Amino acid sequence: MEVRSKIWLAVDGEPVFGSGREALLKAVDKLGSINKAAKDIHLSYRKALSYIQTMEQRLGTRLVERKAGGLHGGGGASLTKEAKEFLRKYELLEEGVNEMFDKKFLEVFENGKM
């Protein structure tokens, strides 16, 4: 038996960030494209762009630098330094919460037993 948790951040009661949006930003960072990132995590481009715009609006900072392409390509996307720092802090939060949950779980369920 094990404990599982899901963490998301909200601004004024509205969700702004969680594991799905974390995956989106990491895919943008890795692939250099919102379109490729969306395909990689099985989202439509429109939905991915909407998520990014909503995060940026609610957090009050730009997370993704977008460069329009043309007929011959040349477009792309990259994370801002603010986005990279936000991801780092979110990962630290996740690690800390998971450590806390694991510790409490073992305490309450006596090393994972009924």
C-alpha atoms as a PDB file:
ATOM      1  CA  MET A   1       0.000   0.000   0.000  1.00  0.00           C
ATOM      2  CA  GLU A   2       1.197   3.527  -0.773  1.00  0.00           C
ATOM      3  CA  VAL A   3      -0.079   7.080  -0.524  1.00  0.00           C
ATOM      4  CA  ARG A   4      -0.635   9.252  -3.609  1.00  0.00           C
ATOM      5  CA  SER A   5      -1.188  12.981  -3.775  1.00  0.00           C
ATOM      6  CA  LYS A   6      -1.885  15.587  -6.408  1.00  0.00           C
ATOM      7  CA  ILE A   7      -0.798  19.185  -5.995  1.00  0.00           C
ATOM      8  CA  TRP A   8      -2.100  22.156  -7.903  1.00  0.00           C
ATOM      9  CA  LEU A   9      -1.750  25.873  -7.371  1.00  0.00           C
ATOM     10  CA  ALA A  10      -4.640  28.324  -7.601  1.00  0.00           C
ATOM     11  CA  VAL A  11      -4.904  32.095  -7.846  1.00  0.00           C
ATOM     12  CA  ASP A  12      -8.100  33.634  -6.487  1.00  0.00           C
ATOM     13  CA  GLY A  13      -9.645  30.166  -6.372  1.00  0.00           C
ATOM     14  CA  GLU A  14      -8.882  29.474 -10.043  1.00  0.00           C
ATOM     15  CA  PRO A  15      -6.467  26.643 -10.900  1.00  0.00           C
ATOM     16  CA  VAL A  16      -3.259  27.890 -12.449  1.00  0.00           C
ATOM     17  CA  PHE A  17      -0.716  25.093 -12.256  1.00  0.00           C
ATOM     18  CA  GLY A  18      -0.490  21.359 -11.659  1.00  0.00           C
ATOM     19  CA  SER A  19       1.098  18.241 -13.086  1.00  0.00           C
ATOM     20  CA  GLY A  20      -0.481  18.600 -16.543  1.00  0.00           C
ATOM     21  CA  ARG A  21       0.700  22.147 -17.018  1.00  0.00           C
ATOM     22  CA  GLU A  22       4.080  21.192 -15.576  1.00  0.00           C
ATOM     23  CA  ALA A  23       4.322  18.517 -18.286  1.00  0.00           C
ATOM     24  CA  LEU A  24       3.372  21.084 -20.938  1.00  0.00           C
ATOM     25  CA  LEU A  25       6.068  23.562 -19.896  1.00  0.00           C
ATOM     26  CA  LYS A  26       8.698  20.824 -19.662  1.00  0.00           C
ATOM     27  CA  ALA A  27       7.746  19.598 -23.145  1.00  0.00           C
ATOM     28  CA  VAL A  28       8.003  23.143 -24.550  1.00  0.00           C
ATOM     29  CA  ASP A  29      11.445  23.434 -22.955  1.00  0.00           C
ATOM     30  CA  LYS A  30      12.558  20.082 -24.358  1.00  0.00           C
ATOM     31  CA  LEU A  31      11.045  20.369 -27.843  1.00  0.00           C
ATOM     32  CA  GLY A  32      11.282  24.126 -28.488  1.00  0.00           C
ATOM     33  CA  SER A  33       7.737  24.320 -29.815  1.00  0.00           C
ATOM     34  CA  ILE A  34       4.259  24.666 -28.348  1.00  0.00           C
ATOM     35  CA  ASN A  35       2.821  22.602 -31.200  1.00  0.00           C
ATOM     36  CA  LYS A  36       5.315  19.750 -30.713  1.00  0.00           C
ATOM     37  CA  ALA A  37       4.863  19.926 -26.929  1.00  0.00           C
ATOM     38  CA  ALA A  38       1.085  19.724 -27.297  1.00  0.00           C
ATOM     39  CA  LYS A  39       1.348  16.652 -29.524  1.00  0.00           C
ATOM     40  CA  ASP A  40       3.849  15.061 -27.135  1.00  0.00           C
ATOM     41  CA  ILE A  41       1.444  15.289 -24.188  1.00  0.00           C
ATOM     42  CA  HIS A  42      -1.689  14.610 -26.262  1.00  0.00           C
ATOM     43  CA  LEU A  43      -3.270  18.073 -26.253  1.00  0.00           C
ATOM     44  CA  SER A  44      -4.510  20.173 -29.123  1.00  0.00           C
ATOM     45  CA  TYR A  45      -2.349  23.168 -29.970  1.00  0.00           C
ATOM     46  CA  ARG A  46      -5.283  25.443 -29.161  1.00  0.00           C
ATOM     47  CA  LYS A  47      -5.708  23.909 -25.662  1.00  0.00           C
ATOM     48  CA  ALA A  48      -1.953  24.096 -24.949  1.00  0.00           C
ATOM     49  CA  LEU A  49      -1.817  27.738 -26.001  1.00  0.00           C
ATOM     50  CA  SER A  50      -4.886  28.472 -23.871  1.00  0.00           C
ATOM     51  CA  TYR A  51      -3.234  26.852 -20.845  1.00  0.00           C
ATOM     52  CA  ILE A  52      -0.073  28.894 -21.362  1.00  0.00           C
ATOM     53  CA  GLN A  53      -1.991  32.148 -21.783  1.00  0.00           C
ATOM     54  CA  THR A  54      -4.115  31.435 -18.695  1.00  0.00           C
ATOM     55  CA  MET A  55      -1.044  30.604 -16.584  1.00  0.00           C
ATOM     56  CA  GLU A  56       0.687  33.788 -17.738  1.00  0.00           C
ATOM     57  CA  GLN A  57      -2.367  35.899 -17.017  1.00  0.00           C
ATOM     58  CA  ARG A  58      -3.023  34.449 -13.557  1.00  0.00           C
ATOM     59  CA  LEU A  59       0.647  34.461 -12.533  1.00  0.00           C
ATOM     60  CA  GLY A  60       1.229  37.917 -13.979  1.00  0.00           C
ATOM     61  CA  THR A  61       4.383  36.990 -15.885  1.00  0.00           C
ATOM     62  CA  ARG A  62       5.420  35.668 -19.260  1.00  0.00           C
ATOM     63  CA  LEU A  63       6.360  31.988 -19.144  1.00  0.00           C
ATOM     64  CA  VAL A  64       6.927  31.165 -22.812  1.00  0.00           C
ATOM     65  CA  GLU A  65       8.678  33.254 -25.433  1.00  0.00           C
ATOM     66  CA  ARG A  66       6.990  32.595 -28.757  1.00  0.00           C
ATOM     67  CA  LYS A  67       8.559  33.219 -32.140  1.00  0.00           C
ATOM     68  CA  ALA A  68       6.235  33.049 -35.146  1.00  0.00           C
ATOM     69  CA  GLY A  69       7.305  30.896 -38.051  1.00  0.00           C
ATOM     70  CA  GLY A  70       6.662  31.414 -41.699  1.00  0.00           C
ATOM     71  CA  LEU A  71       6.380  29.386 -44.868  1.00  0.00           C
ATOM     72  CA  HIS A  72       9.867  28.025 -44.303  1.00  0.00           C
ATOM     73  CA  GLY A  73       9.682  27.391 -40.573  1.00  0.00           C
ATOM     74  CA  GLY A  74      11.812  29.362 -38.204  1.00  0.00           C
ATOM     75  CA  GLY A  75       9.239  29.590 -35.422  1.00  0.00           C
ATOM     76  CA  GLY A  76       9.542  28.138 -31.991  1.00  0.00           C
ATOM     77  CA  ALA A  77       9.089  28.621 -28.299  1.00  0.00           C
ATOM     78  CA  SER A  78      11.273  28.647 -25.219  1.00  0.00           C
ATOM     79  CA  LEU A  79      10.714  29.043 -21.515  1.00  0.00           C
ATOM     80  CA  THR A  80      11.549  32.342 -19.889  1.00  0.00           C
ATOM     81  CA  LYS A  81      13.917  32.426 -16.924  1.00  0.00           C
ATOM     82  CA  GLU A  82      10.832  33.107 -14.770  1.00  0.00           C
ATOM     83  CA  ALA A  83       9.208  29.909 -16.036  1.00  0.00           C
ATOM     84  CA  LYS A  84      12.319  27.865 -15.318  1.00  0.00           C
ATOM     85  CA  GLU A  85      12.500  29.284 -11.792  1.00  0.00           C
ATOM     86  CA  PHE A  86       8.778  28.647 -11.266  1.00  0.00           C
ATOM     87  CA  LEU A  87       9.219  25.007 -12.374  1.00  0.00           C
ATOM     88  CA  ARG A  88      12.162  24.613 -10.008  1.00  0.00           C
ATOM     89  CA  LYS A  89      10.130  25.951  -7.075  1.00  0.00           C
ATOM     90  CA  TYR A  90       7.126  23.794  -7.964  1.00  0.00           C
ATOM     91  CA  GLU A  91       9.336  20.692  -8.044  1.00  0.00           C
ATOM     92  CA  LEU A  92      10.753  21.597  -4.620  1.00  0.00           C
ATOM     93  CA  LEU A  93       7.213  22.018  -3.289  1.00  0.00           C
ATOM     94  CA  GLU A  94       6.173  18.655  -4.736  1.00  0.00           C
ATOM     95  CA  GLU A  95       9.193  16.916  -3.207  1.00  0.00           C
ATOM     96  CA  GLY A  96       8.524  18.468   0.196  1.00  0.00           C
ATOM     97  CA  VAL A  97       4.834  17.600   0.194  1.00  0.00           C
ATOM     98  CA  ASN A  98       5.532  14.033  -0.941  1.00  0.00           C
ATOM     99  CA  GLU A  99       8.146  13.597   1.802  1.00  0.00           C
ATOM    100  CA  MET A 100       5.640  14.869   4.361  1.00  0.00           C
ATOM    101  CA  PHE A 101       2.880  12.573   3.062  1.00  0.00           C
ATOM    102  CA  ASP A 102       5.204   9.564   2.992  1.00  0.00           C
ATOM    103  CA  LYS A 103       6.324  10.191   6.557  1.00  0.00           C
ATOM    104  CA  LYS A 104       2.771  10.630   7.852  1.00  0.00           C
ATOM    105  CA  PHE A 105       1.543   7.615   5.877  1.00  0.00           C
ATOM    106  CA  LEU A 106       4.200   5.365   7.414  1.00  0.00           C
ATOM    107  CA  GLU A 107       3.406   6.749  10.862  1.00  0.00           C
ATOM    108  CA  VAL A 108      -0.361   6.226  10.539  1.00  0.00           C
ATOM    109  CA  PHE A 109      -0.283   2.904   8.699  1.00  0.00           C
ATOM    110  CA  GLU A 110       2.692   1.480  10.564  1.00  0.00           C
ATOM    111  CA  ASN A 111       5.086   1.061   7.658  1.00  0.00           C
ATOM    112  CA  GLY A 112       2.390   0.650   5.019  1.00  0.00           C
ATOM    113  CA  LYS A 113       0.422  -2.161   6.641  1.00  0.00           C
ATOM    114  CA  MET A 114      -3.279  -2.294   7.477  1.00  0.00           C
END
